[in-house]
């Protein structure tokens, strides 16, 4: 693999991501999971009958 920084090896070049796309994907998917569980919980609680 050709690198454009003479001080970095091929492994070092592959490690960095200046746009932080991995973090964006993780945060977005975590928020999506929390929202999905909140909707499921809300539907579950609204469909339960009141105890007498």
N, C-alpha and C. Protein backbone atom coordinates (compact mmCIF):
# COMPACT_ATOMS: atom_id res chain seq x y z
N UNK A 1 0.84 -1.18 0.00
CA UNK A 1 0.00 0.00 0.00
C UNK A 1 0.88 1.24 0.00
N UNK A 2 0.62 2.13 -0.95
CA UNK A 2 1.41 3.34 -1.04
C UNK A 2 0.88 4.38 -0.05
N UNK A 3 1.79 4.95 0.71
CA UNK A 3 1.39 5.98 1.67
C UNK A 3 1.89 7.33 1.20
N UNK A 4 1.17 8.38 1.55
CA UNK A 4 1.55 9.72 1.16
C UNK A 4 2.23 10.47 2.29
N UNK A 5 2.37 9.84 3.43
CA UNK A 5 3.09 10.43 4.55
C UNK A 5 4.32 9.57 4.80
N UNK A 6 5.50 10.09 4.58
CA UNK A 6 6.71 9.26 4.73
C UNK A 6 6.98 8.82 6.16
N UNK A 7 6.37 9.47 7.15
CA UNK A 7 6.62 9.12 8.54
C UNK A 7 5.68 8.05 9.06
N UNK A 8 4.69 7.66 8.25
CA UNK A 8 3.70 6.68 8.71
C UNK A 8 3.80 5.40 7.86
N UNK A 9 3.56 4.29 8.53
CA UNK A 9 3.51 3.02 7.81
C UNK A 9 2.11 2.83 7.23
N UNK A 10 1.92 1.75 6.48
CA UNK A 10 0.62 1.48 5.88
C UNK A 10 -0.44 1.23 6.96
N UNK A 11 -0.05 0.59 8.05
CA UNK A 11 -1.00 0.33 9.14
C UNK A 11 -1.42 1.63 9.82
N UNK A 12 -0.47 2.53 10.04
CA UNK A 12 -0.79 3.81 10.67
C UNK A 12 -1.73 4.64 9.79
N UNK A 13 -1.52 4.60 8.51
CA UNK A 13 -2.36 5.38 7.60
C UNK A 13 -3.79 4.87 7.63
N UNK A 14 -3.97 3.57 7.72
CA UNK A 14 -5.32 3.00 7.70
C UNK A 14 -6.08 3.22 9.01
N UNK A 15 -5.41 3.53 10.09
CA UNK A 15 -6.08 3.64 11.39
C UNK A 15 -6.88 4.92 11.54
N UNK A 16 -6.44 6.00 10.98
CA UNK A 16 -7.06 7.30 11.22
C UNK A 16 -8.25 7.53 10.29
N UNK A 17 -9.23 8.24 10.82
CA UNK A 17 -10.38 8.64 10.03
C UNK A 17 -10.74 10.05 10.49
N UNK A 18 -10.33 11.09 9.79
CA UNK A 18 -10.54 12.46 10.28
C UNK A 18 -12.01 12.86 10.35
N UNK A 19 -12.88 12.22 9.58
CA UNK A 19 -14.30 12.58 9.60
C UNK A 19 -15.05 11.83 10.69
N UNK A 20 -14.42 10.91 11.39
CA UNK A 20 -15.01 10.16 12.50
C UNK A 20 -16.30 9.43 12.08
N UNK A 21 -16.26 8.79 10.91
CA UNK A 21 -17.45 8.12 10.40
C UNK A 21 -17.83 6.93 11.27
N UNK A 22 -16.86 6.23 11.84
CA UNK A 22 -17.19 5.09 12.70
C UNK A 22 -17.97 5.56 13.92
N UNK A 23 -17.56 6.65 14.51
CA UNK A 23 -18.26 7.18 15.69
C UNK A 23 -19.67 7.63 15.32
N UNK A 24 -19.81 8.23 14.15
CA UNK A 24 -21.15 8.66 13.72
C UNK A 24 -22.08 7.48 13.56
N UNK A 25 -21.59 6.43 12.96
CA UNK A 25 -22.42 5.24 12.77
C UNK A 25 -22.80 4.63 14.11
N UNK A 26 -21.86 4.54 15.03
CA UNK A 26 -22.15 3.95 16.33
C UNK A 26 -23.15 4.79 17.12
N UNK A 27 -22.96 6.11 17.12
CA UNK A 27 -23.87 6.98 17.87
C UNK A 27 -25.26 6.96 17.25
N UNK A 28 -25.33 7.02 15.92
CA UNK A 28 -26.63 7.00 15.25
C UNK A 28 -27.37 5.70 15.49
N UNK A 29 -26.67 4.58 15.42
CA UNK A 29 -27.34 3.30 15.65
C UNK A 29 -27.74 3.15 17.11
N UNK A 30 -26.95 3.66 18.05
CA UNK A 30 -27.32 3.61 19.46
C UNK A 30 -28.58 4.43 19.72
N UNK A 31 -28.65 5.61 19.14
CA UNK A 31 -29.86 6.44 19.29
C UNK A 31 -31.06 5.74 18.68
N UNK A 32 -30.87 5.11 17.53
CA UNK A 32 -31.97 4.39 16.89
C UNK A 32 -32.47 3.23 17.74
N UNK A 33 -31.57 2.51 18.37
CA UNK A 33 -31.98 1.39 19.23
C UNK A 33 -32.73 1.90 20.45
N UNK A 34 -32.25 2.99 21.05
CA UNK A 34 -32.94 3.55 22.22
C UNK A 34 -34.34 4.02 21.84
N UNK A 35 -34.48 4.68 20.70
CA UNK A 35 -35.79 5.15 20.26
C UNK A 35 -36.71 3.97 19.96
N UNK A 36 -36.19 2.92 19.34
CA UNK A 36 -37.00 1.74 19.04
C UNK A 36 -37.51 1.09 20.32
N UNK A 37 -36.65 0.93 21.33
CA UNK A 37 -37.09 0.35 22.59
C UNK A 37 -38.09 1.26 23.30
N UNK A 38 -37.92 2.57 23.20
CA UNK A 38 -38.87 3.49 23.81
C UNK A 38 -40.24 3.37 23.16
N UNK A 39 -40.28 3.23 21.84
CA UNK A 39 -41.56 3.07 21.14
C UNK A 39 -42.21 1.74 21.50
N UNK A 40 -41.42 0.68 21.56
CA UNK A 40 -41.96 -0.63 21.94
C UNK A 40 -42.51 -0.58 23.37
N UNK A 41 -41.77 0.05 24.28
CA UNK A 41 -42.24 0.16 25.67
C UNK A 41 -43.51 0.99 25.75
N UNK A 42 -43.58 2.08 25.00
CA UNK A 42 -44.76 2.94 25.00
C UNK A 42 -45.98 2.19 24.48
N UNK A 43 -45.82 1.46 23.41
CA UNK A 43 -46.93 0.68 22.86
C UNK A 43 -47.36 -0.41 23.85
N UNK A 44 -46.38 -1.05 24.47
CA UNK A 44 -46.69 -2.10 25.44
C UNK A 44 -47.49 -1.54 26.62
N UNK A 45 -47.07 -0.38 27.14
CA UNK A 45 -47.75 0.17 28.31
C UNK A 45 -49.12 0.75 27.95
N UNK A 46 -49.27 1.28 26.78
CA UNK A 46 -50.57 1.85 26.39
C UNK A 46 -51.61 0.78 26.08
N UNK A 47 -51.17 -0.42 25.70
CA UNK A 47 -52.13 -1.46 25.36
C UNK A 47 -52.54 -2.31 26.58
N UNK A 48 -51.92 -2.10 27.72
CA UNK A 48 -52.28 -2.85 28.91
C UNK A 48 -53.57 -2.28 29.51
N UNK A 49 -54.40 -3.16 30.01
CA UNK A 49 -55.63 -2.70 30.66
C UNK A 49 -55.32 -2.25 32.09
N UNK A 50 -56.15 -1.39 32.63
CA UNK A 50 -55.95 -0.89 33.98
C UNK A 50 -56.33 -1.98 34.99
N UNK A 51 -55.53 -2.16 36.04
CA UNK A 51 -55.90 -3.15 37.06
C UNK A 51 -57.10 -2.66 37.88
N UNK A 52 -57.96 -3.56 38.26
CA UNK A 52 -59.14 -3.16 39.02
C UNK A 52 -58.99 -3.52 40.48
